[in-house]
Amino acid sequence: MVKIIWTARSLSDLEDIGEFISKDSPRYAGLTIDKLIEMAKMIEQNQKIGRIVPELNQNDIREIITGNYRIIYQIFNAEALYILTVHHSSRLLSNNPLF
């Protein structure tokens, strides 16, 4: 099983998402964050479960889409990967550099 490492940026993304949604519904904010974390855990079983990020076209940078969010991750090796960002799909990725 691969180890998932959340970058500081991806953790900040989760916090921002939770804060934004909680303005309208604290309950829904919690459910959304839980769902995003559960989707990221799916990667533990198969690193290549996500598709290649079209804007980058790199085999090692992939994404899983859940609801309105893109969980973008980079495969480091057979034992570890990094969650780079959790990105709202209505925004352009080019305005949110990953590195």
N, C-alpha and C. Protein backbone atom coordinates (compact mmCIF):
# COMPACT_ATOMS: atom_id res chain seq x y z
N MET A 1 0.84 -1.17 0.00
CA MET A 1 0.00 0.00 0.00
C MET A 1 0.90 1.25 0.00
N VAL A 2 0.51 2.22 -0.77
CA VAL A 2 1.27 3.45 -0.91
C VAL A 2 0.96 4.41 0.24
N LYS A 3 1.96 5.20 0.64
CA LYS A 3 1.76 6.21 1.68
C LYS A 3 1.35 7.52 1.01
N ILE A 4 0.28 8.11 1.51
CA ILE A 4 -0.19 9.39 0.99
C ILE A 4 0.37 10.50 1.87
N ILE A 5 1.02 11.47 1.23
CA ILE A 5 1.57 12.61 1.95
C ILE A 5 0.83 13.86 1.47
N TRP A 6 0.16 14.52 2.39
CA TRP A 6 -0.56 15.76 2.08
C TRP A 6 0.44 16.91 2.18
N THR A 7 0.59 17.68 1.12
CA THR A 7 1.47 18.84 1.16
C THR A 7 0.82 19.94 1.98
N ALA A 8 1.62 20.92 2.38
CA ALA A 8 1.08 22.06 3.12
C ALA A 8 0.02 22.77 2.29
N ARG A 9 0.26 22.86 1.00
CA ARG A 9 -0.70 23.52 0.12
C ARG A 9 -2.04 22.78 0.10
N SER A 10 -1.99 21.45 -0.02
CA SER A 10 -3.24 20.68 -0.10
C SER A 10 -4.01 20.76 1.22
N LEU A 11 -3.31 20.77 2.34
CA LEU A 11 -3.98 20.92 3.64
C LEU A 11 -4.60 22.31 3.76
N SER A 12 -3.91 23.32 3.26
CA SER A 12 -4.46 24.68 3.25
C SER A 12 -5.70 24.74 2.35
N ASP A 13 -5.65 24.04 1.21
CA ASP A 13 -6.82 23.98 0.32
C ASP A 13 -8.02 23.40 1.04
N LEU A 14 -7.82 22.29 1.76
CA LEU A 14 -8.92 21.67 2.51
C LEU A 14 -9.49 22.63 3.55
N GLU A 15 -8.60 23.32 4.24
CA GLU A 15 -9.04 24.29 5.24
C GLU A 15 -9.86 25.41 4.60
N ASP A 16 -9.38 25.93 3.48
CA ASP A 16 -10.09 27.01 2.78
C ASP A 16 -11.46 26.55 2.30
N ILE A 17 -11.52 25.33 1.77
CA ILE A 17 -12.79 24.77 1.29
C ILE A 17 -13.77 24.65 2.45
N GLY A 18 -13.28 24.10 3.56
CA GLY A 18 -14.14 23.94 4.73
C GLY A 18 -14.65 25.27 5.26
N GLU A 19 -13.78 26.26 5.34
CA GLU A 19 -14.19 27.58 5.83
C GLU A 19 -15.22 28.22 4.91
N PHE A 20 -15.01 28.11 3.61
CA PHE A 20 -15.93 28.72 2.66
C PHE A 20 -17.32 28.09 2.75
N ILE A 21 -17.37 26.76 2.74
CA ILE A 21 -18.65 26.07 2.77
C ILE A 21 -19.35 26.27 4.12
N SER A 22 -18.57 26.34 5.19
CA SER A 22 -19.18 26.46 6.53
C SER A 22 -19.90 27.79 6.73
N LYS A 23 -19.63 28.77 5.88
CA LYS A 23 -20.36 30.04 5.98
C LYS A 23 -21.86 29.81 5.75
N ASP A 24 -22.18 28.83 4.90
CA ASP A 24 -23.57 28.49 4.63
C ASP A 24 -24.05 27.28 5.43
N SER A 25 -23.14 26.31 5.62
CA SER A 25 -23.55 25.08 6.29
C SER A 25 -22.34 24.36 6.91
N PRO A 26 -22.14 24.52 8.20
CA PRO A 26 -21.04 23.81 8.86
C PRO A 26 -21.13 22.29 8.68
N ARG A 27 -22.34 21.78 8.69
CA ARG A 27 -22.53 20.32 8.53
C ARG A 27 -22.06 19.88 7.15
N TYR A 28 -22.49 20.60 6.11
CA TYR A 28 -22.11 20.24 4.75
C TYR A 28 -20.60 20.43 4.53
N ALA A 29 -20.02 21.41 5.19
CA ALA A 29 -18.57 21.61 5.10
C ALA A 29 -17.85 20.37 5.61
N GLY A 30 -18.27 19.86 6.75
CA GLY A 30 -17.65 18.66 7.31
C GLY A 30 -17.83 17.45 6.41
N LEU A 31 -19.02 17.29 5.85
CA LEU A 31 -19.27 16.17 4.95
C LEU A 31 -18.41 16.26 3.69
N THR A 32 -18.25 17.47 3.17
CA THR A 32 -17.44 17.66 1.97
C THR A 32 -15.98 17.33 2.23
N ILE A 33 -15.45 17.81 3.33
CA ILE A 33 -14.05 17.52 3.67
C ILE A 33 -13.85 16.02 3.89
N ASP A 34 -14.78 15.39 4.59
CA ASP A 34 -14.69 13.94 4.80
C ASP A 34 -14.69 13.19 3.48
N LYS A 35 -15.54 13.60 2.55
CA LYS A 35 -15.61 12.94 1.25
C LYS A 35 -14.31 13.11 0.47
N LEU A 36 -13.73 14.30 0.51
CA LEU A 36 -12.47 14.53 -0.18
C LEU A 36 -11.36 13.66 0.39
N ILE A 37 -11.31 13.54 1.69
CA ILE A 37 -10.29 12.70 2.33
C ILE A 37 -10.50 11.23 1.98
N GLU A 38 -11.73 10.78 2.00
CA GLU A 38 -12.02 9.38 1.64
C GLU A 38 -11.65 9.08 0.19
N MET A 39 -11.91 10.02 -0.70
CA MET A 39 -11.54 9.82 -2.11
C MET A 39 -10.02 9.73 -2.25
N ALA A 40 -9.31 10.56 -1.51
CA ALA A 40 -7.84 10.51 -1.56
C ALA A 40 -7.33 9.16 -1.06
N LYS A 41 -8.00 8.58 -0.09
CA LYS A 41 -7.58 7.29 0.44
C LYS A 41 -7.71 6.17 -0.59
N MET A 42 -8.58 6.36 -1.57
CA MET A 42 -8.73 5.35 -2.63
C MET A 42 -7.43 5.18 -3.40
N ILE A 43 -6.62 6.20 -3.44
CA ILE A 43 -5.36 6.14 -4.17
C ILE A 43 -4.40 5.14 -3.53
N GLU A 44 -4.55 4.90 -2.23
CA GLU A 44 -3.69 3.95 -1.53
C GLU A 44 -3.69 2.58 -2.20
N GLN A 45 -4.83 2.18 -2.72
CA GLN A 45 -4.96 0.86 -3.33
C GLN A 45 -4.40 0.80 -4.74
N ASN A 46 -4.45 1.92 -5.46
CA ASN A 46 -3.98 1.94 -6.84
C ASN A 46 -3.56 3.37 -7.20
N GLN A 47 -2.26 3.59 -7.29
CA GLN A 47 -1.75 4.92 -7.56
C GLN A 47 -2.26 5.51 -8.87
N LYS A 48 -2.52 4.68 -9.84
CA LYS A 48 -2.90 5.17 -11.16
C LYS A 48 -4.41 5.16 -11.37
N ILE A 49 -5.16 5.19 -10.27
CA ILE A 49 -6.62 5.19 -10.37
C ILE A 49 -7.12 6.48 -11.03
N GLY A 50 -6.41 7.57 -10.81
CA GLY A 50 -6.82 8.85 -11.39
C GLY A 50 -6.32 9.00 -12.82
N ARG A 51 -6.91 9.97 -13.50
CA ARG A 51 -6.48 10.24 -14.87
C ARG A 51 -5.31 11.22 -14.86
N ILE A 52 -4.57 11.25 -15.95
CA ILE A 52 -3.50 12.23 -16.12
C ILE A 52 -4.15 13.61 -16.21
N VAL A 53 -3.57 14.59 -15.53
CA VAL A 53 -4.11 15.96 -15.54
C VAL A 53 -3.92 16.52 -16.95
N PRO A 54 -5.01 16.81 -17.66
CA PRO A 54 -4.91 17.23 -19.07
C PRO A 54 -4.04 18.47 -19.28
N GLU A 55 -4.11 19.43 -18.37
CA GLU A 55 -3.33 20.66 -18.54
C GLU A 55 -1.83 20.43 -18.46
N LEU A 56 -1.41 19.36 -17.79
CA LEU A 56 0.01 19.11 -17.58
C LEU A 56 0.55 17.98 -18.44
N ASN A 57 -0.29 16.99 -18.72
CA ASN A 57 0.07 15.85 -19.56
C ASN A 57 1.37 15.16 -19.10
N GLN A 58 1.46 14.93 -17.79
CA GLN A 58 2.59 14.21 -17.22
C GLN A 58 2.06 12.93 -16.58
N ASN A 59 2.68 11.82 -16.86
CA ASN A 59 2.20 10.53 -16.38
C ASN A 59 2.20 10.43 -14.85
N ASP A 60 3.09 11.16 -14.19
CA ASP A 60 3.19 11.05 -12.73
C ASP A 60 2.28 12.02 -11.98
N ILE A 61 1.62 12.93 -12.68
CA ILE A 61 0.69 13.86 -12.02
C ILE A 61 -0.71 13.52 -12.49
N ARG A 62 -1.54 13.09 -11.54
CA ARG A 62 -2.88 12.59 -11.84
C ARG A 62 -3.91 13.26 -10.97
N GLU A 63 -5.18 13.00 -11.27
CA GLU A 63 -6.25 13.60 -10.49
C GLU A 63 -7.43 12.65 -10.36
N ILE A 64 -8.10 12.80 -9.24
CA ILE A 64 -9.39 12.14 -9.01
C ILE A 64 -10.39 13.29 -8.87
N ILE A 65 -11.50 13.16 -9.54
CA ILE A 65 -12.53 14.20 -9.47
C ILE A 65 -13.67 13.69 -8.60
N THR A 66 -14.06 14.52 -7.66
CA THR A 66 -15.20 14.20 -6.81
C THR A 66 -16.02 15.47 -6.62
N GLY A 67 -17.26 15.41 -7.01
CA GLY A 67 -18.11 16.59 -6.95
C GLY A 67 -17.52 17.71 -7.79
N ASN A 68 -17.32 18.86 -7.19
CA ASN A 68 -16.75 20.01 -7.88
C ASN A 68 -15.24 20.14 -7.69
N TYR A 69 -14.62 19.13 -7.13
CA TYR A 69 -13.21 19.25 -6.76
C TYR A 69 -12.32 18.24 -7.49
N ARG A 70 -11.12 18.69 -7.76
CA ARG A 70 -10.07 17.86 -8.37
C ARG A 70 -8.99 17.65 -7.32
N ILE A 71 -8.77 16.41 -6.95
CA ILE A 71 -7.68 16.07 -6.03
C ILE A 71 -6.50 15.72 -6.93
N ILE A 72 -5.51 16.59 -6.96
CA ILE A 72 -4.37 16.42 -7.87
C ILE A 72 -3.19 15.91 -7.06
N TYR A 73 -2.60 14.82 -7.54
CA TYR A 73 -1.51 14.19 -6.81
C TYR A 73 -0.37 13.81 -7.74
N GLN A 74 0.81 13.66 -7.15
CA GLN A 74 2.00 13.27 -7.90
C GLN A 74 2.53 11.96 -7.34
N ILE A 75 2.74 11.01 -8.22
CA ILE A 75 3.31 9.73 -7.82
C ILE A 75 4.81 9.92 -7.65
N PHE A 76 5.31 9.71 -6.45
CA PHE A 76 6.73 9.88 -6.15
C PHE A 76 7.49 8.60 -6.47
N ASN A 77 7.00 7.49 -5.94
CA ASN A 77 7.57 6.17 -6.23
C ASN A 77 6.52 5.12 -5.87
N ALA A 78 6.89 3.87 -5.85
CA ALA A 78 5.92 2.80 -5.59
C ALA A 78 5.41 2.81 -4.15
N GLU A 79 6.06 3.57 -3.28
CA GLU A 79 5.70 3.57 -1.87
C GLU A 79 5.07 4.86 -1.37
N ALA A 80 5.18 5.95 -2.16
CA ALA A 80 4.68 7.24 -1.67
C ALA A 80 4.17 8.12 -2.81
N LEU A 81 3.19 8.95 -2.47
CA LEU A 81 2.72 9.96 -3.40
C LEU A 81 2.31 11.19 -2.62
N TYR A 82 2.28 12.32 -3.32
CA TYR A 82 1.96 13.59 -2.70
C TYR A 82 0.64 14.12 -3.23
N ILE A 83 -0.26 14.50 -2.33
CA ILE A 83 -1.44 15.25 -2.73
C ILE A 83 -0.96 16.69 -2.89
N LEU A 84 -1.00 17.19 -4.11
CA LEU A 84 -0.46 18.52 -4.40
C LEU A 84 -1.45 19.64 -4.09
N THR A 85 -2.72 19.42 -4.50
CA THR A 85 -3.73 20.45 -4.31
C THR A 85 -5.11 19.84 -4.40
N VAL A 86 -6.06 20.51 -3.80
CA VAL A 86 -7.48 20.18 -3.97
C VAL A 86 -8.07 21.43 -4.61
N HIS A 87 -8.47 21.29 -5.84
CA HIS A 87 -8.76 22.43 -6.70
C HIS A 87 -10.22 22.42 -7.15
N HIS A 88 -10.91 23.56 -7.02
CA HIS A 88 -12.29 23.64 -7.49
C HIS A 88 -12.30 23.60 -9.01
N SER A 89 -13.14 22.77 -9.58
CA SER A 89 -13.13 22.54 -11.03
C SER A 89 -13.60 23.73 -11.85
N SER A 90 -14.25 24.71 -11.23
CA SER A 90 -14.69 25.88 -11.99
C SER A 90 -13.55 26.87 -12.22
N ARG A 91 -12.46 26.70 -11.52
CA ARG A 91 -11.31 27.59 -11.67
C ARG A 91 -10.31 27.00 -12.66
N LEU A 92 -9.58 27.87 -13.32
CA LEU A 92 -8.54 27.44 -14.22
C LEU A 92 -7.35 26.96 -13.41
N LEU A 93 -6.83 25.81 -13.77
CA LEU A 93 -5.67 25.27 -13.07
C LEU A 93 -4.44 26.16 -13.30
N SER A 94 -4.36 26.80 -14.46
CA SER A 94 -3.22 27.65 -14.77
C SER A 94 -3.09 28.83 -13.81
N ASN A 95 -4.19 29.19 -13.15
CA ASN A 95 -4.15 30.27 -12.16
C ASN A 95 -3.76 29.78 -10.77
N ASN A 96 -3.49 28.49 -10.67
CA ASN A 96 -3.19 27.87 -9.38
C ASN A 96 -1.97 26.97 -9.55
N PRO A 97 -0.77 27.54 -9.65
CA PRO A 97 0.42 26.71 -9.89
C PRO A 97 0.60 25.65 -8.82
N LEU A 98 1.02 24.48 -9.24
CA LEU A 98 1.14 23.35 -8.34
C LEU A 98 2.47 23.32 -7.61
N PHE A 99 3.46 23.99 -8.12
CA PHE A 99 4.80 23.88 -7.54
C PHE A 99 5.29 25.20 -7.02
